[in-house]
Amino acid sequence: METIITWLIGIGMICAGIYLIWRAFYSLTKFKEEVTGRIVDLEKSVSRGRTQYYPIVEYYGGGKKIVKKVDYSSKFKKKNAIGDEVVITYNSDNPEDFAVKGKSFKSNFGWGVACLILGVIVIIGQVVTGGME
């Protein structure tokens, strides 16, 4: 049973890695419009005793004002100060589909590569130790 779980973890990590890398390149190809946005608020989140701050940004896209939470966080409140300007890239077909320029690609690509490598290591470990017997 432990062997099956280990295989599933390895395969799951590889799948997650592929998805995150795809998402990184998706953001490069889909988010063609670029505007300046502003951080208007910080959403505080506490989990397991750790505090994270998610910026809430305001920008204009597709002729309307959009206010949304960014998909990255920081443990440093000053890193994303209210009033700071950020460059927003968004999908012209759906202006609410956005990313902070440079953040989404780096984050998704980095985590994707890490998941892919760890997943491959887990699978190789299973093969080398005879995990399918």
Protein backbone atom coordinates (compact mmCIF):
# COMPACT_ATOMS: atom_id res chain seq x y z
CA MET A 1 0.00 0.00 0.00
CA GLU A 2 2.86 2.39 0.86
CA THR A 3 4.32 1.80 -2.61
CA ILE A 4 1.10 2.81 -4.35
CA ILE A 5 0.86 5.97 -2.27
CA THR A 6 4.47 6.88 -3.09
CA TRP A 7 3.84 6.34 -6.81
CA LEU A 8 0.70 8.51 -6.62
CA ILE A 9 2.62 11.26 -4.83
CA GLY A 10 5.35 11.19 -7.49
CA ILE A 11 2.85 11.24 -10.35
CA GLY A 12 0.83 13.97 -8.64
CA MET A 13 3.92 16.13 -8.23
CA ILE A 14 4.85 15.67 -11.89
CA CYS A 15 1.31 16.62 -12.95
CA ALA A 16 1.34 19.67 -10.67
CA GLY A 17 4.71 20.69 -12.08
CA ILE A 18 3.50 20.39 -15.67
CA TYR A 19 0.37 22.43 -14.84
CA LEU A 20 2.34 25.20 -13.11
CA ILE A 21 4.83 25.46 -15.97
CA TRP A 22 1.94 25.57 -18.46
CA ARG A 23 0.27 28.29 -16.36
CA ALA A 24 3.49 30.32 -16.38
CA PHE A 25 3.68 30.27 -20.18
CA TYR A 26 -0.09 30.82 -20.45
CA SER A 27 0.34 34.10 -18.60
CA LEU A 28 3.01 35.16 -21.09
CA THR A 29 0.85 34.42 -24.12
CA LYS A 30 -2.62 35.46 -22.88
CA PHE A 31 -1.86 38.58 -20.86
CA LYS A 32 -1.02 40.99 -23.68
CA GLU A 33 -2.57 44.20 -22.35
CA GLU A 34 -0.49 46.19 -19.88
CA VAL A 35 -1.63 48.94 -17.51
CA THR A 36 -0.47 50.55 -14.29
CA GLY A 37 -2.40 49.48 -11.23
CA ARG A 38 -2.28 50.50 -7.60
CA ILE A 39 -2.32 48.51 -4.38
CA VAL A 40 -5.44 49.72 -2.56
CA ASP A 41 -5.52 47.30 0.36
CA LEU A 42 -3.76 44.33 1.94
CA GLU A 43 -5.70 41.24 2.96
CA LYS A 44 -4.19 39.66 6.05
CA SER A 45 -4.21 35.89 6.31
CA VAL A 46 -2.99 33.92 9.33
CA SER A 47 -2.39 30.20 8.95
CA ARG A 48 -0.49 27.99 11.40
CA GLY A 49 0.76 31.07 13.22
CA ARG A 50 2.20 32.64 10.06
CA THR A 51 0.90 35.95 8.75
CA GLN A 52 0.76 36.67 5.02
CA TYR A 53 -0.44 39.78 3.21
CA TYR A 54 -2.21 39.56 -0.14
CA PRO A 55 -2.29 42.81 -2.12
CA ILE A 56 -5.63 44.02 -3.45
CA VAL A 57 -5.04 45.92 -6.70
CA GLU A 58 -7.13 48.38 -8.64
CA TYR A 59 -6.66 48.87 -12.37
CA TYR A 60 -8.62 49.80 -15.47
CA GLY A 61 -9.10 47.13 -18.12
CA GLY A 62 -11.60 46.74 -20.91
CA GLY A 63 -13.09 50.14 -20.10
CA LYS A 64 -13.95 49.36 -16.48
CA LYS A 65 -12.40 49.64 -13.05
CA ILE A 66 -11.36 46.28 -11.60
CA VAL A 67 -10.43 45.59 -7.98
CA LYS A 68 -9.06 42.10 -7.27
CA LYS A 69 -6.81 40.16 -4.93
CA VAL A 70 -3.42 39.21 -6.34
CA ASP A 71 -2.47 35.52 -6.32
CA TYR A 72 0.78 35.98 -4.42
CA SER A 73 1.48 37.01 -0.86
CA SER A 74 4.28 38.33 1.28
CA LYS A 75 5.05 38.01 4.94
CA PHE A 76 6.36 41.58 4.83
CA LYS A 77 3.64 44.20 4.99
CA LYS A 78 6.02 46.90 3.71
CA LYS A 79 6.95 44.89 0.61
CA ASN A 80 3.50 45.62 -0.85
CA ALA A 81 2.51 48.96 0.63
CA ILE A 82 -0.90 50.50 0.04
CA GLY A 83 -0.52 53.12 -2.67
CA ASP A 84 2.36 51.37 -4.45
CA GLU A 85 2.06 51.17 -8.22
CA VAL A 86 2.35 47.81 -9.97
CA VAL A 87 2.35 46.86 -13.64
CA ILE A 88 -0.68 44.72 -14.45
CA THR A 89 -0.93 42.49 -17.51
CA TYR A 90 -4.34 41.13 -18.42
CA ASN A 91 -6.26 39.10 -20.97
CA SER A 92 -8.01 41.50 -23.36
CA ASP A 93 -10.84 38.95 -23.80
CA ASN A 94 -11.38 38.85 -20.02
CA PRO A 95 -9.84 41.86 -18.24
CA GLU A 96 -10.43 40.26 -14.81
CA ASP A 97 -7.95 37.51 -15.78
CA PHE A 98 -4.74 39.30 -14.78
CA ALA A 99 -1.27 39.02 -13.28
CA VAL A 100 1.24 41.39 -11.78
CA LYS A 101 3.93 41.61 -14.42
CA GLY A 102 6.85 39.34 -13.63
CA LYS A 103 5.34 37.81 -10.48
CA SER A 104 3.11 35.09 -11.91
CA PHE A 105 5.62 33.72 -14.41
CA LYS A 106 8.47 33.55 -11.89
CA SER A 107 6.35 32.01 -9.16
CA ASN A 108 4.50 29.46 -11.32
CA PHE A 109 7.59 28.48 -13.29
CA GLY A 110 9.76 28.12 -10.18
CA TRP A 111 7.24 26.00 -8.28
CA GLY A 112 6.50 24.01 -11.44
CA VAL A 113 10.15 23.09 -11.97
CA ALA A 114 10.51 22.21 -8.27
CA CYS A 115 7.44 19.92 -8.34
CA LEU A 116 8.58 18.30 -11.58
CA ILE A 117 12.08 17.58 -10.24
CA LEU A 118 10.81 16.23 -6.91
CA GLY A 119 8.21 14.09 -8.66
CA VAL A 120 10.86 12.59 -10.94
CA ILE A 121 13.12 11.92 -7.94
CA VAL A 122 10.27 10.11 -6.15
CA ILE A 123 9.52 7.97 -9.24
CA ILE A 124 13.21 7.17 -9.81
CA GLY A 125 13.49 6.22 -6.13
CA GLN A 126 10.58 3.82 -6.54
CA VAL A 127 12.08 2.24 -9.66
CA VAL A 128 15.55 1.87 -8.12
CA THR A 129 14.23 0.32 -4.90
CA GLY A 130 11.93 -2.03 -6.77
CA GLY A 131 8.78 -0.25 -5.70
CA MET A 132 6.51 -2.15 -8.10
CA GLU A 133 7.16 -5.63 -6.75
